[in-house]
Amino acid sequence: MTDQCILQVEDDPNDAFLLQSVFAEARISNPIHLVADGQAAINYLAGTGLYADREKHPMPCLVLLDLKLPKKNGLEVLAWIRQQPKLRRIVVIVFSSSALPADVDRACELGANSFIEKPSDYPESCEIA
């Protein structure tokens, strides 16, 4: 699986960097492609616009999806993913600072494979990898 990429959908550069640092420390060597809003995630997964070149933007094996995103929120992106026949089996982990029961329930209803609350610091982050 190390040659397959991970799509990280995260609008906070600090959170993106933290997760990528944790993955590097855990020796997870899958390339990580980062998009900063929900519409960009949809475009990436659809292979449209800036993401049409699948050599540069390959289909990910895993999507790490924040909920609070500009343009389209994570729940909208998740709903879109699960409506696409070719993407129904892709692993989507909601990785969000919101652990509100309503958000967790809705993410599960929409087909998230897992829901992880973002840790508040680096040592806690290392535990998730």
N, C-alpha and C. Protein backbone atom coordinates (compact mmCIF):
# COMPACT_ATOMS: atom_id res chain seq x y z
N MET A 1 0.81 -1.19 0.00
CA MET A 1 0.00 0.00 0.00
C MET A 1 0.86 1.26 0.00
N THR A 2 2.14 1.16 0.21
CA THR A 2 2.97 2.35 0.34
C THR A 2 3.08 3.17 -0.93
N ASP A 3 2.73 2.60 -2.08
CA ASP A 3 2.79 3.41 -3.30
C ASP A 3 1.47 4.13 -3.55
N GLN A 4 0.42 3.79 -2.81
CA GLN A 4 -0.85 4.47 -2.97
C GLN A 4 -0.87 5.71 -2.10
N CYS A 5 -1.52 6.76 -2.63
CA CYS A 5 -1.50 8.02 -1.89
C CYS A 5 -2.67 8.15 -0.93
N ILE A 6 -2.53 9.10 -0.05
CA ILE A 6 -3.56 9.49 0.90
C ILE A 6 -3.98 10.91 0.53
N LEU A 7 -5.29 11.14 0.48
CA LEU A 7 -5.79 12.49 0.25
C LEU A 7 -6.17 13.08 1.60
N GLN A 8 -5.48 14.15 1.98
CA GLN A 8 -5.77 14.85 3.23
C GLN A 8 -6.56 16.11 2.86
N VAL A 9 -7.77 16.21 3.40
CA VAL A 9 -8.63 17.36 3.14
C VAL A 9 -8.65 18.19 4.42
N GLU A 10 -7.87 19.25 4.43
CA GLU A 10 -7.64 20.02 5.65
C GLU A 10 -7.34 21.47 5.29
N ASP A 11 -8.08 22.40 5.88
CA ASP A 11 -7.87 23.81 5.57
C ASP A 11 -6.91 24.51 6.52
N ASP A 12 -6.57 23.89 7.63
CA ASP A 12 -5.64 24.51 8.59
C ASP A 12 -4.23 23.98 8.31
N PRO A 13 -3.33 24.85 7.85
CA PRO A 13 -1.97 24.40 7.52
C PRO A 13 -1.24 23.78 8.71
N ASN A 14 -1.51 24.27 9.92
CA ASN A 14 -0.87 23.70 11.11
C ASN A 14 -1.33 22.27 11.36
N ASP A 15 -2.63 22.02 11.21
CA ASP A 15 -3.15 20.67 11.40
C ASP A 15 -2.62 19.73 10.31
N ALA A 16 -2.53 20.24 9.08
CA ALA A 16 -2.00 19.44 7.98
C ALA A 16 -0.55 19.05 8.25
N PHE A 17 0.25 20.02 8.67
CA PHE A 17 1.65 19.77 8.96
C PHE A 17 1.80 18.78 10.12
N LEU A 18 1.02 18.96 11.15
CA LEU A 18 1.08 18.08 12.32
C LEU A 18 0.81 16.63 11.92
N LEU A 19 -0.25 16.41 11.16
CA LEU A 19 -0.57 15.04 10.77
C LEU A 19 0.52 14.45 9.88
N GLN A 20 1.03 15.24 8.96
CA GLN A 20 2.09 14.75 8.08
C GLN A 20 3.36 14.43 8.89
N SER A 21 3.65 15.22 9.92
CA SER A 21 4.80 14.94 10.79
C SER A 21 4.61 13.64 11.56
N VAL A 22 3.41 13.43 12.05
CA VAL A 22 3.10 12.20 12.78
C VAL A 22 3.24 11.00 11.86
N PHE A 23 2.74 11.11 10.63
CA PHE A 23 2.87 10.01 9.68
C PHE A 23 4.33 9.72 9.38
N ALA A 24 5.13 10.76 9.21
CA ALA A 24 6.56 10.57 8.94
C ALA A 24 7.24 9.87 10.12
N GLU A 25 6.92 10.29 11.33
CA GLU A 25 7.51 9.66 12.50
C GLU A 25 7.08 8.20 12.64
N ALA A 26 5.84 7.92 12.23
CA ALA A 26 5.33 6.55 12.29
C ALA A 26 5.78 5.72 11.08
N ARG A 27 6.57 6.34 10.21
CA ARG A 27 7.10 5.69 9.01
C ARG A 27 6.01 5.21 8.06
N ILE A 28 4.95 5.99 8.00
CA ILE A 28 3.91 5.77 7.00
C ILE A 28 4.40 6.52 5.77
N SER A 29 4.76 5.78 4.75
CA SER A 29 5.45 6.39 3.61
C SER A 29 4.55 6.67 2.41
N ASN A 30 3.27 6.45 2.55
CA ASN A 30 2.36 6.78 1.45
C ASN A 30 2.46 8.28 1.16
N PRO A 31 2.52 8.64 -0.12
CA PRO A 31 2.50 10.07 -0.45
C PRO A 31 1.18 10.69 0.01
N ILE A 32 1.27 11.91 0.54
CA ILE A 32 0.08 12.61 0.99
C ILE A 32 -0.18 13.79 0.06
N HIS A 33 -1.37 13.81 -0.50
CA HIS A 33 -1.81 14.92 -1.33
C HIS A 33 -2.78 15.74 -0.49
N LEU A 34 -2.56 17.04 -0.44
CA LEU A 34 -3.33 17.93 0.41
C LEU A 34 -4.20 18.85 -0.42
N VAL A 35 -5.48 18.93 -0.06
CA VAL A 35 -6.36 19.95 -0.61
C VAL A 35 -6.99 20.69 0.57
N ALA A 36 -7.30 21.98 0.37
CA ALA A 36 -7.67 22.82 1.50
C ALA A 36 -9.15 23.18 1.57
N ASP A 37 -9.97 22.63 0.69
CA ASP A 37 -11.41 22.90 0.80
C ASP A 37 -12.20 21.73 0.21
N GLY A 38 -13.48 21.72 0.54
CA GLY A 38 -14.33 20.61 0.12
C GLY A 38 -14.50 20.50 -1.38
N GLN A 39 -14.62 21.62 -2.06
CA GLN A 39 -14.78 21.55 -3.51
C GLN A 39 -13.51 21.02 -4.17
N ALA A 40 -12.36 21.40 -3.66
CA ALA A 40 -11.10 20.88 -4.20
C ALA A 40 -11.01 19.37 -3.99
N ALA A 41 -11.52 18.87 -2.87
CA ALA A 41 -11.53 17.43 -2.63
C ALA A 41 -12.39 16.72 -3.67
N ILE A 42 -13.56 17.27 -3.94
CA ILE A 42 -14.44 16.69 -4.95
C ILE A 42 -13.76 16.72 -6.32
N ASN A 43 -13.16 17.85 -6.67
CA ASN A 43 -12.47 17.96 -7.95
C ASN A 43 -11.32 16.96 -8.05
N TYR A 44 -10.57 16.80 -6.96
CA TYR A 44 -9.47 15.84 -6.95
C TYR A 44 -10.00 14.43 -7.19
N LEU A 45 -11.01 14.03 -6.43
CA LEU A 45 -11.53 12.67 -6.55
C LEU A 45 -12.21 12.43 -7.90
N ALA A 46 -12.80 13.47 -8.47
CA ALA A 46 -13.44 13.35 -9.78
C ALA A 46 -12.42 13.41 -10.91
N GLY A 47 -11.22 13.88 -10.61
CA GLY A 47 -10.18 14.03 -11.63
C GLY A 47 -10.49 15.13 -12.62
N THR A 48 -11.01 16.25 -12.10
CA THR A 48 -11.37 17.36 -12.98
C THR A 48 -10.52 18.59 -12.67
N GLY A 49 -10.52 19.52 -13.62
CA GLY A 49 -9.82 20.79 -13.43
C GLY A 49 -8.34 20.58 -13.18
N LEU A 50 -7.83 21.19 -12.13
CA LEU A 50 -6.41 21.10 -11.79
C LEU A 50 -5.95 19.67 -11.50
N TYR A 51 -6.90 18.78 -11.24
CA TYR A 51 -6.57 17.42 -10.81
C TYR A 51 -6.83 16.38 -11.90
N ALA A 52 -6.92 16.82 -13.14
CA ALA A 52 -7.23 15.91 -14.24
C ALA A 52 -6.09 14.94 -14.56
N ASP A 53 -4.87 15.33 -14.27
CA ASP A 53 -3.71 14.49 -14.56
C ASP A 53 -3.53 13.47 -13.44
N ARG A 54 -3.91 12.21 -13.71
CA ARG A 54 -3.83 11.17 -12.68
C ARG A 54 -2.40 10.73 -12.40
N GLU A 55 -1.46 11.09 -13.23
CA GLU A 55 -0.06 10.84 -12.91
C GLU A 55 0.37 11.72 -11.73
N LYS A 56 -0.04 12.98 -11.77
CA LYS A 56 0.30 13.92 -10.70
C LYS A 56 -0.65 13.81 -9.51
N HIS A 57 -1.88 13.42 -9.77
CA HIS A 57 -2.93 13.38 -8.75
C HIS A 57 -3.64 12.02 -8.78
N PRO A 58 -2.95 10.98 -8.33
CA PRO A 58 -3.53 9.63 -8.40
C PRO A 58 -4.70 9.45 -7.45
N MET A 59 -5.51 8.46 -7.76
CA MET A 59 -6.64 8.15 -6.89
C MET A 59 -6.10 7.65 -5.54
N PRO A 60 -6.58 8.21 -4.46
CA PRO A 60 -6.07 7.82 -3.14
C PRO A 60 -6.66 6.49 -2.67
N CYS A 61 -5.95 5.85 -1.75
CA CYS A 61 -6.46 4.65 -1.10
C CYS A 61 -7.21 5.02 0.18
N LEU A 62 -7.00 6.26 0.66
CA LEU A 62 -7.58 6.72 1.91
C LEU A 62 -7.82 8.22 1.82
N VAL A 63 -8.97 8.66 2.33
CA VAL A 63 -9.28 10.08 2.44
C VAL A 63 -9.40 10.42 3.92
N LEU A 64 -8.59 11.38 4.36
CA LEU A 64 -8.68 11.93 5.72
C LEU A 64 -9.41 13.26 5.59
N LEU A 65 -10.61 13.31 6.12
CA LEU A 65 -11.54 14.39 5.82
C LEU A 65 -11.90 15.21 7.05
N ASP A 66 -11.55 16.48 7.02
CA ASP A 66 -11.99 17.40 8.06
C ASP A 66 -13.45 17.74 7.81
N LEU A 67 -14.17 18.16 8.83
CA LEU A 67 -15.57 18.55 8.64
C LEU A 67 -15.74 20.03 8.35
N LYS A 68 -15.01 20.85 9.06
CA LYS A 68 -15.17 22.30 8.93
C LYS A 68 -14.25 22.80 7.83
N LEU A 69 -14.80 22.87 6.62
CA LEU A 69 -14.02 23.24 5.44
C LEU A 69 -14.71 24.39 4.69
N PRO A 70 -13.93 25.20 3.98
CA PRO A 70 -14.54 26.20 3.11
C PRO A 70 -15.15 25.55 1.86
N LYS A 71 -16.03 26.27 1.23
CA LYS A 71 -16.70 25.94 -0.03
C LYS A 71 -17.71 24.81 0.13
N LYS A 72 -17.29 23.63 0.51
CA LYS A 72 -18.20 22.53 0.84
C LYS A 72 -17.66 21.89 2.12
N ASN A 73 -18.54 21.64 3.07
CA ASN A 73 -18.06 21.05 4.31
C ASN A 73 -17.80 19.56 4.14
N GLY A 74 -17.18 18.97 5.14
CA GLY A 74 -16.80 17.56 5.05
C GLY A 74 -17.97 16.62 4.89
N LEU A 75 -19.10 16.93 5.51
CA LEU A 75 -20.27 16.07 5.35
C LEU A 75 -20.80 16.11 3.92
N GLU A 76 -20.74 17.27 3.29
CA GLU A 76 -21.14 17.37 1.87
C GLU A 76 -20.20 16.57 0.99
N VAL A 77 -18.92 16.64 1.29
CA VAL A 77 -17.93 15.87 0.52
C VAL A 77 -18.17 14.37 0.71
N LEU A 78 -18.38 13.96 1.94
CA LEU A 78 -18.63 12.55 2.23
C LEU A 78 -19.89 12.06 1.51
N ALA A 79 -20.95 12.84 1.55
CA ALA A 79 -22.18 12.46 0.84
C ALA A 79 -21.90 12.31 -0.66
N TRP A 80 -21.14 13.24 -1.22
CA TRP A 80 -20.80 13.17 -2.65
C TRP A 80 -20.00 11.91 -2.95
N ILE A 81 -19.00 11.61 -2.12
CA ILE A 81 -18.17 10.41 -2.34
C ILE A 81 -19.04 9.17 -2.37
N ARG A 82 -19.93 9.03 -1.42
CA ARG A 82 -20.74 7.81 -1.31
C ARG A 82 -21.80 7.71 -2.40
N GLN A 83 -22.04 8.80 -3.13
CA GLN A 83 -22.97 8.77 -4.27
C GLN A 83 -22.28 8.36 -5.57
N GLN A 84 -20.95 8.30 -5.55
CA GLN A 84 -20.19 7.96 -6.75
C GLN A 84 -19.91 6.46 -6.77
N PRO A 85 -20.47 5.74 -7.74
CA PRO A 85 -20.27 4.28 -7.77
C PRO A 85 -18.80 3.86 -7.72
N LYS A 86 -17.93 4.58 -8.38
CA LYS A 86 -16.51 4.20 -8.42
C LYS A 86 -15.77 4.53 -7.12
N LEU A 87 -16.38 5.30 -6.25
CA LEU A 87 -15.71 5.72 -5.02
C LEU A 87 -16.33 5.12 -3.76
N ARG A 88 -17.36 4.35 -3.91
CA ARG A 88 -18.08 3.84 -2.73
C ARG A 88 -17.20 3.03 -1.79
N ARG A 89 -16.19 2.38 -2.32
CA ARG A 89 -15.34 1.53 -1.48
C ARG A 89 -14.11 2.23 -0.93
N ILE A 90 -13.90 3.47 -1.32
CA ILE A 90 -12.73 4.19 -0.83
C ILE A 90 -12.89 4.40 0.69
N VAL A 91 -11.81 4.25 1.41
CA VAL A 91 -11.83 4.42 2.86
C VAL A 91 -11.81 5.91 3.18
N VAL A 92 -12.82 6.34 3.94
CA VAL A 92 -12.91 7.74 4.36
C VAL A 92 -12.94 7.79 5.88
N ILE A 93 -11.95 8.46 6.42
CA ILE A 93 -11.88 8.67 7.87
C ILE A 93 -12.10 10.15 8.13
N VAL A 94 -13.15 10.45 8.86
CA VAL A 94 -13.40 11.83 9.25
C VAL A 94 -12.44 12.13 10.39
N PHE A 95 -11.68 13.19 10.21
CA PHE A 95 -10.64 13.58 11.16
C PHE A 95 -10.90 15.03 11.51
N SER A 96 -11.61 15.25 12.60
CA SER A 96 -12.14 16.58 12.86
C SER A 96 -11.98 16.98 14.32
N SER A 97 -11.94 18.28 14.55
CA SER A 97 -11.89 18.78 15.93
C SER A 97 -13.28 18.74 16.56
N SER A 98 -14.30 18.57 15.75
CA SER A 98 -15.66 18.47 16.26
C SER A 98 -15.99 17.01 16.55
N ALA A 99 -16.30 16.73 17.79
CA ALA A 99 -16.75 15.38 18.15
C ALA A 99 -18.17 15.45 18.67
N LEU A 100 -18.93 16.42 18.18
CA LEU A 100 -20.32 16.54 18.57
C LEU A 100 -21.06 15.27 18.15
N PRO A 101 -21.89 14.73 19.02
CA PRO A 101 -22.61 13.50 18.67
C PRO A 101 -23.36 13.61 17.35
N ALA A 102 -23.93 14.77 17.07
CA ALA A 102 -24.66 14.94 15.80
C ALA A 102 -23.72 14.80 14.60
N ASP A 103 -22.50 15.33 14.70
CA ASP A 103 -21.52 15.21 13.61
C ASP A 103 -21.08 13.77 13.44
N VAL A 104 -20.81 13.10 14.54
CA VAL A 104 -20.39 11.70 14.48
C VAL A 104 -21.50 10.85 13.88
N ASP A 105 -22.73 11.04 14.36
CA ASP A 105 -23.86 10.27 13.83
C ASP A 105 -24.07 10.51 12.35
N ARG A 106 -24.01 11.76 11.94
CA ARG A 106 -24.24 12.09 10.52
C ARG A 106 -23.13 11.51 9.65
N ALA A 107 -21.90 11.60 10.10
CA ALA A 107 -20.78 11.03 9.33
C ALA A 107 -20.96 9.52 9.17
N CYS A 108 -21.38 8.86 10.23
CA CYS A 108 -21.62 7.41 10.15
C CYS A 108 -22.78 7.09 9.21
N GLU A 109 -23.85 7.87 9.30
CA GLU A 109 -25.00 7.68 8.40
C GLU A 109 -24.59 7.83 6.94
N LEU A 110 -23.67 8.75 6.68
CA LEU A 110 -23.24 9.01 5.31
C LEU A 110 -22.20 8.01 4.82
N GLY A 111 -21.69 7.15 5.70
CA GLY A 111 -20.79 6.10 5.26
C GLY A 111 -19.33 6.28 5.59
N ALA A 112 -19.02 7.13 6.56
CA ALA A 112 -17.62 7.24 6.99
C ALA A 112 -17.17 5.90 7.56
N ASN A 113 -15.94 5.51 7.26
CA ASN A 113 -15.41 4.27 7.81
C ASN A 113 -15.01 4.42 9.27
N SER A 114 -14.68 5.65 9.65
CA SER A 114 -14.30 5.92 11.03
C SER A 114 -14.39 7.41 11.28
N PHE A 115 -14.44 7.78 12.55
CA PHE A 115 -14.47 9.19 12.95
C PHE A 115 -13.46 9.34 14.08
N ILE A 116 -12.48 10.19 13.86
CA ILE A 116 -11.43 10.41 14.86
C ILE A 116 -11.42 11.89 15.22
N GLU A 117 -11.48 12.16 16.51
CA GLU A 117 -11.36 13.55 16.96
C GLU A 117 -9.89 13.94 16.91
N LYS A 118 -9.62 15.11 16.33
CA LYS A 118 -8.25 15.59 16.24
C LYS A 118 -7.66 15.76 17.63
N PRO A 119 -6.48 15.22 17.83
CA PRO A 119 -5.79 15.44 19.12
C PRO A 119 -5.38 16.90 19.27
N SER A 120 -5.18 17.30 20.50
CA SER A 120 -4.87 18.70 20.77
C SER A 120 -3.38 19.01 20.73
N ASP A 121 -2.52 17.98 20.77
CA ASP A 121 -1.08 18.26 20.77
C ASP A 121 -0.32 17.13 20.06
N TYR A 122 0.95 17.35 19.88
CA TYR A 122 1.78 16.39 19.12
C TYR A 122 1.87 15.02 19.78
N PRO A 123 2.17 14.91 21.08
CA PRO A 123 2.25 13.57 21.69
C PRO A 123 0.94 12.79 21.55
N GLU A 124 -0.16 13.48 21.73
CA GLU A 124 -1.46 12.84 21.58
C GLU A 124 -1.68 12.43 20.12
N SER A 125 -1.18 13.24 19.19
CA SER A 125 -1.30 12.93 17.76
C SER A 125 -0.53 11.67 17.40
N CYS A 126 0.59 11.47 18.03
CA CYS A 126 1.41 10.29 17.72
C CYS A 126 0.69 9.00 18.06
N GLU A 127 -0.23 9.05 18.99
CA GLU A 127 -0.99 7.87 19.39
C GLU A 127 -1.94 7.39 18.30
N ILE A 128 -2.36 8.28 17.39
CA ILE A 128 -3.32 7.87 16.36
C ILE A 128 -2.66 7.12 15.21
N ALA A 129 -1.37 7.36 15.00
CA ALA A 129 -0.68 6.70 13.89
C ALA A 129 -0.29 5.32 14.32
